[in-house]
Protein backbone atom coordinates (compact mmCIF):
# COMPACT_ATOMS: atom_id res chain seq x y z
CA MET A 1 46.82 21.09 -35.58
CA THR A 2 50.29 21.89 -36.91
CA LYS A 3 52.46 19.54 -38.93
CA PHE A 4 54.93 19.36 -36.03
CA ALA A 5 52.18 18.24 -33.60
CA VAL A 6 51.00 15.58 -36.00
CA MET A 7 54.53 14.23 -36.30
CA GLN A 8 54.89 14.14 -32.52
CA GLU A 9 51.66 12.17 -32.13
CA LYS A 10 52.75 9.74 -34.84
CA GLN A 11 56.09 9.23 -33.12
CA LEU A 12 54.38 8.69 -29.75
CA PHE A 13 52.02 6.12 -31.26
CA ILE A 14 54.93 4.28 -32.88
CA TYR A 15 56.79 4.37 -29.56
CA LEU A 16 53.83 2.82 -27.72
CA ILE A 17 53.43 0.08 -30.30
CA ASP A 18 57.13 -0.73 -30.29
CA THR A 19 57.27 -0.80 -26.51
CA LEU A 20 54.24 -3.06 -26.10
CA TRP A 21 55.47 -5.33 -28.88
CA LYS A 22 58.75 -5.66 -27.08
CA TRP A 23 56.83 -6.86 -23.99
CA ARG A 24 54.31 -8.92 -25.96
CA LYS A 25 55.19 -12.23 -24.32
CA HIS A 26 54.70 -10.80 -20.85
CA LEU A 27 51.43 -9.23 -21.94
CA ILE A 28 50.13 -12.48 -23.40
CA ILE A 29 51.11 -14.46 -20.29
CA THR A 30 49.54 -11.87 -17.96
CA LEU A 31 46.28 -11.68 -19.93
CA ALA A 32 46.08 -15.46 -20.25
CA PHE A 33 46.60 -15.90 -16.51
CA THR A 34 43.97 -13.19 -15.84
CA ALA A 35 41.46 -14.86 -18.18
CA ILE A 36 42.00 -18.27 -16.56
CA ALA A 37 41.80 -16.89 -12.99
CA VAL A 38 38.65 -14.85 -13.61
CA SER A 39 37.03 -17.74 -15.49
CA VAL A 40 37.68 -20.13 -12.60
CA VAL A 41 36.26 -17.64 -10.09
CA MET A 42 33.17 -16.97 -12.22
CA LEU A 43 32.56 -20.67 -12.88
CA ASN A 44 32.47 -21.24 -9.14
CA ARG A 45 29.82 -18.58 -8.72
CA PRO A 46 26.29 -20.04 -8.85
CA ASN A 47 23.58 -18.84 -11.20
CA PHE A 48 20.91 -16.63 -9.69
CA TYR A 49 17.33 -16.25 -10.86
CA ARG A 50 14.91 -13.34 -10.76
CA ALA A 51 11.14 -13.62 -10.23
CA SER A 52 8.82 -10.62 -10.52
CA THR A 53 5.22 -9.89 -9.71
CA ILE A 54 3.36 -6.86 -11.08
CA PHE A 55 0.19 -5.28 -9.72
CA TYR A 56 -1.85 -2.08 -9.60
CA PRO A 57 -3.30 -0.67 -6.36
CA ALA A 58 -7.06 -0.76 -6.15
CA SER A 59 -8.85 2.46 -5.35
CA THR A 60 -9.88 2.82 -1.73
CA SER A 61 -13.33 3.93 -2.96
CA ILE A 62 -14.10 0.28 -3.78
CA GLN A 63 -14.33 -0.48 -0.07
CA LYS A 64 -16.33 2.60 0.82
CA PRO A 65 -20.08 2.19 1.37
CA VAL A 66 -22.37 3.82 -1.21
CA PHE A 67 -24.82 6.23 0.43
CA THR A 68 -26.17 8.09 -2.62
CA GLU A 69 -26.55 7.45 -6.33
CA ALA A 70 -23.89 10.07 -7.04
CA GLU A 71 -21.34 7.90 -5.23
CA ARG A 72 -21.88 4.88 -7.48
CA ASN A 73 -19.26 6.12 -9.99
CA ILE A 74 -16.37 4.18 -8.48
CA ASN A 75 -12.75 4.34 -9.67
CA TYR A 76 -11.45 0.79 -9.60
CA TYR A 77 -7.77 1.71 -10.02
CA GLY A 78 -5.92 3.75 -7.43
CA ASP A 79 -4.32 7.13 -7.98
CA ASP A 80 -0.76 8.28 -7.31
CA HIS A 81 -1.43 8.44 -3.56
CA ASP A 82 -2.44 4.76 -3.54
CA VAL A 83 0.68 3.85 -5.52
CA ASP A 84 2.92 5.81 -3.14
CA ARG A 85 1.29 4.20 -0.12
CA MET A 86 1.93 0.70 -1.47
CA LEU A 87 5.50 1.57 -2.42
CA SER A 88 6.08 2.77 1.15
CA ILE A 89 4.65 -0.44 2.57
CA ALA A 90 6.61 -2.67 0.16
CA THR A 91 9.93 -0.96 1.01
CA SER A 92 9.32 -0.70 4.75
CA ASN A 93 11.56 -2.53 7.20
CA ASP A 94 8.57 -4.35 8.69
CA THR A 95 7.72 -5.94 5.35
CA LYS A 96 11.34 -6.90 4.69
CA LEU A 97 11.74 -8.45 8.15
CA GLU A 98 8.53 -10.46 7.75
CA VAL A 99 9.72 -11.83 4.41
CA ILE A 100 13.10 -12.74 5.94
CA GLU A 101 11.53 -14.46 8.95
CA GLU A 102 8.69 -16.21 7.12
CA LEU A 103 10.94 -17.69 4.41
CA LYS A 104 13.80 -18.40 6.89
CA LEU A 105 16.28 -16.57 4.70
CA ARG A 106 18.84 -16.38 7.51
CA GLU A 107 19.15 -20.15 7.43
CA HIS A 108 18.85 -20.16 3.64
CA TYR A 109 21.91 -17.92 3.31
CA GLY A 110 23.74 -19.79 6.07
CA LEU A 111 24.12 -16.78 8.36
CA GLY A 112 24.21 -16.71 12.14
CA ASN A 113 22.32 -14.64 14.70
CA ASP A 114 25.10 -12.25 15.67
CA GLN A 115 25.00 -8.56 14.79
CA LYS A 116 27.55 -8.83 11.99
CA SER A 117 25.61 -11.65 10.33
CA THR A 118 22.38 -9.68 10.71
CA GLU A 119 23.91 -6.66 9.01
CA ARG A 120 25.19 -8.87 6.21
CA LEU A 121 21.75 -10.48 5.89
CA HIS A 122 20.00 -7.13 5.51
CA LYS A 123 22.61 -5.94 3.02
CA LEU A 124 22.25 -9.11 0.97
CA PHE A 125 18.46 -8.96 1.11
CA GLY A 126 18.57 -5.34 -0.08
CA LYS A 127 20.49 -6.46 -3.19
CA MET A 128 18.08 -9.29 -3.94
CA TYR A 129 14.80 -7.51 -3.16
CA LYS A 130 13.72 -4.72 -5.51
CA VAL A 131 10.53 -2.63 -5.61
CA ILE A 132 9.98 -0.18 -8.45
CA LYS A 133 7.22 1.81 -10.12
CA THR A 134 6.99 0.79 -13.76
CA GLU A 135 6.63 3.13 -16.70
CA TYR A 136 2.91 2.23 -16.77
CA ASP A 137 2.44 3.27 -13.10
CA ALA A 138 2.20 -0.31 -11.87
CA ILE A 139 4.32 -1.71 -9.03
CA ARG A 140 6.86 -4.48 -9.62
CA ILE A 141 8.32 -6.54 -6.79
CA SER A 142 11.33 -8.64 -7.79
CA PHE A 143 13.46 -11.09 -5.87
CA GLU A 144 16.69 -12.82 -6.92
CA ASP A 145 18.06 -16.05 -5.53
CA VAL A 146 20.13 -19.06 -6.50
CA ASN A 147 16.98 -21.15 -5.99
CA PRO A 148 14.27 -20.29 -8.59
CA GLU A 149 11.44 -21.41 -6.30
CA THR A 150 12.70 -19.25 -3.44
CA ALA A 151 12.79 -16.25 -5.77
CA SER A 152 9.15 -16.69 -6.87
CA THR A 153 7.94 -17.52 -3.35
CA ALA A 154 9.60 -14.45 -1.85
CA ALA A 155 8.19 -12.08 -4.51
CA ASN A 156 4.64 -13.42 -4.15
CA TYR A 157 4.85 -13.44 -0.36
CA ALA A 158 6.04 -9.83 -0.30
CA ARG A 159 3.14 -8.84 -2.55
CA GLY A 160 0.73 -10.65 -0.23
CA LYS A 161 2.13 -8.75 2.76
CA VAL A 162 1.64 -5.45 0.93
CA ASP A 163 -1.99 -6.42 0.25
CA THR A 164 -2.57 -7.41 3.88
CA LYS A 165 -0.96 -4.28 5.34
CA THR A 166 -2.90 -2.03 2.94
CA GLN A 167 -6.11 -3.80 3.98
CA ASP A 168 -5.21 -3.26 7.64
CA ILE A 169 -4.80 0.49 7.05
CA ILE A 170 -8.13 0.70 5.22
CA LYS A 171 -9.93 -1.44 7.79
CA SER A 172 -8.52 0.64 10.64
CA ALA A 173 -9.89 3.80 9.04
CA GLN A 174 -13.24 2.08 8.45
CA ARG A 175 -13.43 0.98 12.08
CA ASN A 176 -12.87 4.57 13.23
CA VAL A 177 -15.60 5.84 10.90
CA LEU A 178 -17.98 3.10 12.06
CA LYS A 179 -17.18 3.87 15.70
CA ASN A 180 -18.05 7.54 15.22
CA ALA A 181 -21.21 6.61 13.33
CA GLU A 182 -22.31 4.28 16.13
CA LYS A 183 -21.73 7.05 18.69
CA SER A 184 -23.82 9.45 16.61
CA LEU A 185 -26.50 6.77 16.33
CA GLU A 186 -26.56 6.36 20.11
CA ILE A 187 -26.91 10.13 20.56
CA ILE A 188 -29.83 10.35 18.12
CA GLN A 189 -31.48 7.29 19.65
CA SER A 190 -31.15 8.95 23.07
CA GLU A 191 -32.72 12.14 21.67
CA VAL A 192 -35.66 10.18 20.30
CA ASP A 193 -36.15 8.40 23.64
CA ASP A 194 -36.02 11.70 25.55
CA LEU A 195 -38.49 13.32 23.16
CA LYS A 196 -40.89 10.40 23.47
CA GLU A 197 -40.64 10.47 27.26
CA ASN A 198 -41.25 14.23 27.27
CA LEU A 199 -44.22 13.78 24.90
CA LYS A 200 -45.68 11.15 27.19
CA THR A 201 -45.34 13.52 30.17
CA GLN A 202 -46.90 16.49 28.35
CA ARG A 203 -49.80 14.43 27.04
CA LYS A 204 -50.56 13.26 30.53
CA LYS A 205 -50.21 16.78 31.93
CA TYR A 206 -52.45 18.51 29.38
CA GLY A 207 -54.63 15.58 28.40
CA VAL A 208 -53.66 15.87 24.75
CA TYR A 209 -53.60 12.41 23.16
CA ASN A 210 -54.77 13.01 19.62
CA THR A 211 -54.15 16.42 18.10
CA GLN A 212 -56.44 15.75 15.13
CA SER A 213 -59.62 14.21 16.53
CA GLN A 214 -59.60 15.26 20.18
CA ALA A 215 -60.86 18.80 19.48
CA GLU A 216 -63.85 17.39 17.61
CA SER A 217 -64.59 15.05 20.52
CA PHE A 218 -64.65 17.99 22.97
CA ALA A 219 -67.08 19.86 20.73
CA ILE A 220 -69.44 16.86 20.58
CA MET A 221 -69.24 16.31 24.34
CA ASN A 222 -69.91 20.03 24.94
CA ASN A 223 -73.05 19.90 22.78
CA ARG A 224 -74.33 16.84 24.56
CA ASN A 225 -73.56 17.80 28.16
CA GLY A 226 -73.59 21.58 28.02
CA ASN A 227 -70.89 23.84 29.41
CA SER A 228 -69.78 21.61 32.30
CA THR A 229 -66.87 22.62 34.46
CA LYS A 230 -65.00 19.36 33.77
CA ILE A 231 -65.21 19.75 30.02
CA GLU A 232 -64.20 23.41 30.24
CA ARG A 233 -61.12 22.48 32.26
CA GLN A 234 -60.22 19.73 29.77
CA VAL A 235 -60.65 22.12 26.86
CA LYS A 236 -58.51 24.72 28.62
CA ASP A 237 -55.70 22.17 29.29
CA TYR A 238 -55.97 20.89 25.73
CA THR A 239 -55.70 24.44 24.35
CA GLU A 240 -52.64 25.20 26.47
CA GLY A 241 -50.83 21.96 25.60
CA ILE A 242 -51.80 21.37 21.97
CA SER A 243 -48.98 23.50 20.49
CA LEU A 244 -46.33 21.94 22.76
CA VAL A 245 -47.51 18.40 22.02
CA LYS A 246 -47.69 19.11 18.30
CA SER A 247 -44.14 20.54 18.39
CA LEU A 248 -42.86 17.45 20.20
CA GLU A 249 -44.56 15.17 17.67
CA ASP A 250 -42.91 17.05 14.79
CA GLN A 251 -39.51 16.84 16.50
CA ILE A 252 -39.94 13.11 17.06
CA GLU A 253 -40.89 12.56 13.43
CA PHE A 254 -37.91 14.54 12.15
CA THR A 255 -35.47 12.93 14.59
CA THR A 256 -36.81 9.46 13.82
CA GLU A 257 -36.20 10.03 10.12
CA ASN A 258 -32.60 10.97 10.91
CA LEU A 259 -32.35 7.90 13.13
CA VAL A 260 -33.41 5.65 10.26
CA LYS A 261 -30.83 7.27 7.97
CA TYR A 262 -28.08 6.81 10.55
CA GLN A 263 -29.12 3.20 11.09
CA SER A 264 -28.93 2.58 7.34
CA ASN A 265 -25.56 4.30 7.06
CA THR A 266 -24.20 2.38 10.03
CA TYR A 267 -25.35 -0.88 8.46
CA ARG A 268 -23.56 0.02 5.22
CA LEU A 269 -20.39 0.96 7.10
CA ARG A 270 -20.46 -2.31 9.02
CA SER A 271 -21.02 -4.30 5.81
CA ALA A 272 -18.10 -2.51 4.14
CA LEU A 273 -15.88 -3.30 7.13
CA GLU A 274 -16.82 -6.99 7.07
CA SER A 275 -16.38 -7.34 3.30
CA GLU A 276 -13.20 -8.94 1.96
CA ILE A 277 -11.90 -7.11 -1.11
CA SER A 278 -8.32 -7.20 -2.36
CA ALA A 279 -6.45 -3.90 -2.17
CA MET A 280 -4.70 -4.58 -5.48
CA HIS A 281 -5.25 -5.77 -9.03
CA ILE A 282 -2.65 -8.43 -9.83
CA VAL A 283 -1.33 -8.28 -13.39
CA GLN A 284 1.38 -10.91 -13.07
CA GLN A 285 2.11 -13.56 -10.49
CA ALA A 286 5.75 -14.32 -9.81
CA SER A 287 6.28 -17.67 -11.55
CA THR A 288 9.32 -19.88 -11.07
CA PRO A 289 12.00 -18.48 -13.43
CA VAL A 290 13.67 -20.77 -15.97
CA SER A 291 16.39 -18.52 -17.39
CA LYS A 292 19.13 -17.19 -15.20
CA ALA A 293 19.41 -13.49 -14.41
CA GLY A 294 23.17 -13.72 -13.95
CA PRO A 295 26.05 -13.74 -13.59
CA PHE A 296 27.13 -12.97 -17.17
CA ARG A 297 30.52 -14.63 -17.00
CA SER A 298 31.81 -13.56 -20.42
CA VAL A 299 31.21 -9.90 -19.55
CA TYR A 300 33.23 -10.25 -16.34
CA VAL A 301 36.08 -12.02 -18.16
CA LEU A 302 36.24 -9.42 -20.95
CA GLY A 303 36.06 -6.58 -18.45
CA ALA A 304 38.88 -8.07 -16.37
CA LEU A 305 41.02 -8.54 -19.52
CA LEU A 306 40.48 -4.93 -20.58
CA ILE A 307 41.40 -3.57 -17.14
CA MET A 308 44.45 -5.83 -16.89
CA ALA A 309 45.59 -4.82 -20.40
CA LEU A 310 45.44 -1.14 -19.51
CA LEU A 311 47.23 -1.67 -16.19
CA SER A 312 49.89 -3.81 -17.82
CA ALA A 313 50.52 -1.21 -20.54
CA LEU A 314 50.86 1.47 -17.88
CA VAL A 315 53.35 -0.61 -15.87
CA ILE A 316 55.40 -1.37 -19.01
CA LEU A 317 55.61 2.31 -19.93
CA ILE A 318 56.68 3.22 -16.39
CA ILE A 319 59.40 0.53 -16.44
CA GLU A 320 60.71 1.75 -19.79
CA GLU A 321 60.85 5.34 -18.56
CA LEU A 322 62.69 4.28 -15.41
CA LYS A 323 65.27 2.47 -17.56
CA LYS A 324 66.02 5.67 -19.40
């Protein structure tokens, strides 16, 4: 920077100081009036309080039935998908509307039922109701209100709605799985019944009732009675039907084992559906706040004074230039 530029800046600074000093009384009166006016306005504004509740989503695997030993390693805390799902539920319009209606916030804020009042209500609620993901991957629901008890009640109620809605989603999925399992169980049960009915028919047709001891009985009867036509016919029918009957018995045994497994799985699915487990791990309940969250009146007053001082200085400089 040249010496000439430095001198110009010094002269400009001196000019500003001289000009503002010349108008010092006006500046003092303006700033004093601004401080008094802003202070009166801020003193008439009520204090508002903030209540917060913090929780982690529980893993959906907690509510899944355990079918094998390998599935016993359960994650009790949810992953990012569980967190995102709860954030979506907490910020949904349905949850907000239920909080507004349940806590009668329309009457609490003194608003009517017309469209303009409804828009104002939703805008005001959006300022007071906050849902965030914390730095530790938990979820925080906060609510601000002039009444400390309303703030804590609203935050806890919103958290309860998130828990209920998450449970409804999980239970709905469980009901669908159980419904499919019950259909599969009916199909297998029908297969077993058909196989048993077919086995009964084939045994009657071929005279095969005991695949292990019946052949020995025919041999004994043949030795005692000789080669009678009746015994020969029975042996012939037995020989023709033994493989079919044995195959049906094996199928029934295998299908019955599957039936027992499906019955056990269906029982576990039904037990999981009927169980009541919270979908979240609560770290902090929203207690009634004691300290105010705002407004910070001194900050507003100082900010208003700073803005007014800058505007006043600008107006003074413009007036002085117009005089010239």
